[in-house]
Protein backbone atom coordinates (compact mmCIF):
# COMPACT_ATOMS: atom_id res chain seq x y z
CA MET A 1 0.00 0.00 0.00
CA GLN A 2 1.06 3.55 -0.62
CA PHE A 3 -0.42 7.03 -0.52
CA VAL A 4 -2.62 7.64 -3.58
CA MET A 5 -4.23 10.86 -4.73
CA GLY A 6 -7.45 9.03 -5.55
CA ASP A 7 -8.68 11.31 -8.35
CA PHE A 8 -5.65 11.84 -10.55
CA TRP A 9 -6.73 13.14 -13.95
CA PRO A 10 -5.76 16.14 -16.11
CA GLY A 11 -8.68 18.20 -14.76
CA ASN A 12 -6.99 18.25 -11.35
CA LEU A 13 -3.77 19.79 -12.66
CA VAL A 14 -2.89 23.47 -12.87
CA VAL A 15 -0.01 24.33 -15.16
CA ALA A 16 2.04 27.51 -14.73
CA LEU A 17 4.02 28.70 -17.75
CA ASP A 18 6.86 31.18 -17.93
CA GLU A 19 6.80 34.25 -20.19
CA ASP A 20 8.12 32.18 -23.12
CA GLY A 21 5.42 29.53 -22.76
CA GLY A 22 7.76 27.00 -21.14
CA LEU A 23 6.65 24.84 -18.24
CA LYS A 24 7.32 26.53 -14.91
CA ARG A 25 5.30 24.39 -12.48
CA ILE A 26 2.53 21.79 -12.28
CA SER A 27 0.27 21.74 -9.22
CA VAL A 28 -2.11 18.92 -8.33
CA LEU A 29 -5.48 19.98 -6.87
CA ASP A 30 -8.41 18.22 -5.19
CA TRP A 31 -6.87 15.86 -2.65
CA GLU A 32 -10.16 15.01 -0.89
CA LEU A 33 -10.06 11.37 -2.09
CA SER A 34 -6.45 10.76 -1.05
CA LYS A 35 -5.82 7.64 1.01
CA LEU A 36 -3.69 4.55 1.35
CA GLY A 37 -4.21 2.46 -1.76
CA LEU A 38 -2.69 0.18 -4.33
CA ALA A 39 0.36 1.32 -6.23
CA GLY A 40 -0.57 2.02 -9.82
CA VAL A 41 -4.14 3.22 -9.25
CA ASP A 42 -3.32 6.89 -9.87
CA VAL A 43 -1.12 5.94 -12.84
CA GLY A 44 -3.97 3.89 -14.31
CA GLN A 45 -6.58 6.63 -13.94
CA PHE A 46 -4.33 9.36 -15.31
CA SER A 47 -3.31 7.11 -18.21
CA ALA A 48 -6.92 6.23 -19.00
CA GLU A 49 -8.01 9.87 -18.99
CA LEU A 50 -5.18 10.87 -21.34
CA TYR A 51 -5.94 7.91 -23.58
CA LEU A 52 -9.62 8.93 -23.68
CA LEU A 53 -8.57 12.43 -24.76
CA LYS A 54 -6.46 10.91 -27.54
CA ARG A 55 -9.18 8.51 -28.75
CA CYS A 56 -12.21 10.76 -28.38
CA HIS A 57 -10.75 14.18 -29.17
CA GLY A 58 -7.73 13.21 -31.25
CA ALA A 59 -8.02 16.06 -33.72
CA VAL A 60 -7.81 18.62 -30.92
CA CYS A 61 -5.39 17.08 -28.42
CA GLY A 62 -4.43 13.56 -29.52
CA GLU A 63 -0.76 14.31 -30.06
CA THR A 64 -0.46 16.38 -26.87
CA ALA A 65 -2.19 13.70 -24.78
CA THR A 66 0.13 11.01 -26.15
CA VAL A 67 3.29 13.06 -25.50
CA LEU A 68 2.09 13.95 -21.98
CA LEU A 69 1.35 10.30 -21.19
CA GLU A 70 4.72 9.19 -22.53
CA HIS A 71 6.60 11.78 -20.46
CA PHE A 72 4.52 11.01 -17.38
CA LEU A 73 5.34 7.28 -17.58
CA GLN A 74 9.02 7.89 -18.28
CA THR A 75 9.28 10.28 -15.32
CA TYR A 76 7.20 8.25 -12.86
CA LYS A 77 8.95 5.00 -13.85
CA PRO A 78 6.34 2.54 -12.55
CA THR A 79 7.63 -0.86 -11.51
CA ASP A 80 6.37 -3.92 -13.40
CA ASP A 81 3.84 -4.60 -10.63
CA GLU A 82 2.63 -0.98 -10.61
CA LEU A 83 2.40 -0.98 -14.40
CA ARG A 84 0.31 -4.15 -14.45
CA ARG A 85 -2.03 -2.74 -11.80
CA ALA A 86 -2.19 0.55 -13.69
CA ALA A 87 -3.08 -1.27 -16.92
CA VAL A 88 -5.93 -3.19 -15.26
CA HIS A 89 -7.22 0.02 -13.66
CA MET A 90 -6.89 1.77 -17.03
CA GLY A 91 -8.89 -1.00 -18.70
CA SER A 92 -11.70 -0.83 -16.16
CA HIS A 93 -11.76 2.96 -16.45
CA LEU A 94 -12.09 2.68 -20.24
CA VAL A 95 -15.00 0.27 -19.81
CA VAL A 96 -16.98 2.34 -17.30
CA VAL A 97 -16.27 6.04 -17.73
CA PRO A 98 -17.12 6.59 -21.44
CA VAL A 99 -20.51 4.93 -20.92
CA TYR A 100 -21.52 7.10 -17.93
CA ALA A 101 -19.66 10.28 -18.88
CA PRO A 102 -19.68 10.26 -22.70
CA LYS A 103 -16.45 11.48 -24.22
CA GLY A 104 -17.18 10.79 -27.89
CA ASP A 105 -19.74 9.40 -30.31
CA ARG A 106 -21.35 5.97 -29.90
CA GLN A 107 -18.96 4.23 -32.29
CA THR A 108 -15.88 5.58 -30.49
CA THR A 109 -17.38 4.80 -27.09
CA SER A 110 -18.06 1.23 -28.17
CA ALA A 111 -14.53 0.82 -29.54
CA VAL A 112 -12.90 2.29 -26.42
CA THR A 113 -15.03 0.07 -24.17
CA ALA A 114 -13.93 -3.01 -26.15
CA GLU A 115 -10.29 -1.89 -25.83
CA GLY A 116 -10.80 -1.58 -22.07
CA VAL A 117 -12.10 -5.14 -21.83
CA ALA A 118 -9.12 -6.40 -23.86
CA VAL A 119 -6.70 -4.59 -21.56
CA MET A 120 -8.31 -6.03 -18.43
CA ILE A 121 -7.91 -9.53 -19.91
CA GLU A 122 -4.36 -8.95 -21.16
CA PRO A 123 -2.92 -5.91 -19.33
CA GLU A 124 0.40 -6.08 -21.17
CA LYS A 125 -1.43 -5.01 -24.35
CA ALA A 126 -2.21 -1.60 -22.82
CA VAL A 127 -0.66 1.38 -24.55
CA ILE A 128 1.16 2.30 -21.33
CA TYR A 129 3.48 -0.70 -21.79
CA LYS A 130 4.62 0.69 -25.15
CA LEU A 131 5.01 4.26 -23.90
CA ARG A 132 6.97 3.42 -20.74
CA ARG A 133 10.23 2.56 -22.56
């Protein structure tokens, strides 16, 4: 068990930029769900939310979401156990969230949900395994 934020997604981040548009600071907000939890849960939720942005709003932020997820995973450096847990959490998030909080059209939602099921069955097929490097 470790300390987890409990609601780690891009909507709970505030980014401060310098005068040239470079990254100055990232702050994480909304810690009301923080608790002791399983390693990888926050990684899985954050990864799923970024993946949903890529799949459902790819024309607007697909490239940015992918680069952010890649850098996040390379910086966080999850262990194999954390990565597997994160992938399963990511899969379950992809199954549930798009259905109850629609992110795209029906066809995309159906495809993302099917991807989530596949990831829960075989976590090593999750995109986060490829992006971790």
